[in-house]
C-alpha atoms as a PDB file:
ATOM      1  CA  MET A   1      25.174   3.378  -7.609  1.00  0.00           C
ATOM      2  CA  SER A   2      23.763   5.506 -10.318  1.00  0.00           C
ATOM      3  CA  LEU A   3      22.811   9.103 -10.847  1.00  0.00           C
ATOM      4  CA  ASN A   4      20.530   7.937 -13.651  1.00  0.00           C
ATOM      5  CA  ASN A   5      18.626   5.745 -11.186  1.00  0.00           C
ATOM      6  CA  ALA A   6      18.185   8.718  -8.877  1.00  0.00           C
ATOM      7  CA  ARG A   7      16.888  10.754 -11.816  1.00  0.00           C
ATOM      8  CA  ARG A   8      14.465   7.941 -12.658  1.00  0.00           C
ATOM      9  CA  LEU A   9      13.194   7.975  -9.078  1.00  0.00           C
ATOM     10  CA  VAL A  10      12.507  11.714  -9.169  1.00  0.00           C
ATOM     11  CA  GLU A  11      10.695  11.331 -12.490  1.00  0.00           C
ATOM     12  CA  LYS A  12       8.725   8.310 -11.285  1.00  0.00           C
ATOM     13  CA  LEU A  13       7.640  10.134  -8.128  1.00  0.00           C
ATOM     14  CA  ARG A  14       6.389  13.045 -10.249  1.00  0.00           C
ATOM     15  CA  GLU A  15       4.605  10.987 -12.887  1.00  0.00           C
ATOM     16  CA  ASP A  16       3.484   7.686 -11.346  1.00  0.00           C
ATOM     17  CA  LEU A  17       0.765   8.198  -8.734  1.00  0.00           C
ATOM     18  CA  ASN A  18       0.645   4.518  -7.786  1.00  0.00           C
ATOM     19  CA  PHE A  19       4.407   4.386  -7.189  1.00  0.00           C
ATOM     20  CA  ARG A  20       4.321   7.687  -5.284  1.00  0.00           C
ATOM     21  CA  ASN A  21       1.605   6.316  -2.989  1.00  0.00           C
ATOM     22  CA  LYS A  22       3.643   3.167  -2.343  1.00  0.00           C
ATOM     23  CA  ALA A  23       6.694   5.269  -1.490  1.00  0.00           C
ATOM     24  CA  VAL A  24       4.744   7.586   0.816  1.00  0.00           C
ATOM     25  CA  GLN A  25       3.095   4.639   2.572  1.00  0.00           C
ATOM     26  CA  SER A  26       6.429   2.933   3.241  1.00  0.00           C
ATOM     27  CA  THR A  27       6.642   2.030   6.906  1.00  0.00           C
ATOM     28  CA  GLY A  28      10.306   2.887   7.296  1.00  0.00           C
ATOM     29  CA  PRO A  29      13.679   3.136   5.599  1.00  0.00           C
ATOM     30  CA  GLU A  30      14.004  -0.625   5.125  1.00  0.00           C
ATOM     31  CA  ASN A  31      10.578  -0.832   3.476  1.00  0.00           C
ATOM     32  CA  LEU A  32      11.338   2.110   1.175  1.00  0.00           C
ATOM     33  CA  SER A  33      14.750   0.655   0.321  1.00  0.00           C
ATOM     34  CA  ALA A  34      13.126  -2.673  -0.616  1.00  0.00           C
ATOM     35  CA  LEU A  35      10.633  -0.853  -2.856  1.00  0.00           C
ATOM     36  CA  LEU A  36      13.415   1.057  -4.617  1.00  0.00           C
ATOM     37  CA  GLN A  37      15.519  -2.080  -5.078  1.00  0.00           C
ATOM     38  CA  ALA A  38      12.514  -3.952  -6.504  1.00  0.00           C
ATOM     39  CA  GLU A  39      12.189  -1.145  -9.058  1.00  0.00           C
ATOM     40  CA  GLY A  40      15.911  -1.313  -9.876  1.00  0.00           C
ATOM     41  CA  LEU A  41      16.460   2.156  -8.434  1.00  0.00           C
ATOM     42  CA  VAL A  42      19.768   1.823  -6.591  1.00  0.00           C
ATOM     43  CA  PHE A  43      21.698   5.024  -5.828  1.00  0.00           C
ATOM     44  CA  ASP A  44      23.416   6.785  -2.958  1.00  0.00           C
ATOM     45  CA  GLN A  45      22.378   9.899  -1.064  1.00  0.00           C
ATOM     46  CA  LYS A  46      24.690  12.212  -3.034  1.00  0.00           C
ATOM     47  CA  GLU A  47      23.199  11.030  -6.333  1.00  0.00           C
ATOM     48  CA  LEU A  48      19.672  11.581  -5.023  1.00  0.00           C
ATOM     49  CA  VAL A  49      20.506  15.123  -3.906  1.00  0.00           C
ATOM     50  CA  GLU A  50      22.011  15.881  -7.323  1.00  0.00           C
ATOM     51  CA  ALA A  51      18.949  14.498  -9.144  1.00  0.00           C
ATOM     52  CA  MET A  52      16.616  16.511  -6.932  1.00  0.00           C
ATOM     53  CA  ALA A  53      18.656  19.681  -7.544  1.00  0.00           C
ATOM     54  CA  GLU A  54      18.404  19.114 -11.298  1.00  0.00           C
ATOM     55  CA  CYS A  55      14.647  18.702 -10.960  1.00  0.00           C
ATOM     56  CA  MET A  56      14.361  21.941  -9.002  1.00  0.00           C
ATOM     57  CA  GLU A  57      16.393  23.776 -11.649  1.00  0.00           C
ATOM     58  CA  GLN A  58      14.055  22.487 -14.353  1.00  0.00           C
ATOM     59  CA  LEU A  59      11.002  23.595 -12.389  1.00  0.00           C
ATOM     60  CA  GLU A  60      12.497  27.055 -11.842  1.00  0.00           C
ATOM     61  CA  LEU A  61      13.153  27.398 -15.581  1.00  0.00           C
ATOM     62  CA  GLN A  62       9.594  26.346 -16.379  1.00  0.00           C
ATOM     63  CA  MET A  63       8.199  28.878 -13.937  1.00  0.00           C
ATOM     64  CA  ALA A  64      10.357  31.643 -15.433  1.00  0.00           C
ATOM     65  CA  ASP A  65       8.902  31.093 -18.929  1.00  0.00           C
END
């Protein structure tokens, strides 16, 4: 499991429209999990929450500027 992989997912969802569409169109948890594994993005739920919190902090800082 890797926090860095979770961070990569958050970044990829923000920047890669094609990947984001694939993730959104996933037909269920198994399908989404297969997509993430194919991309080498293996992490646990805690790591994903931490990566998302970091992203939100960055967005808040950008909005404050």
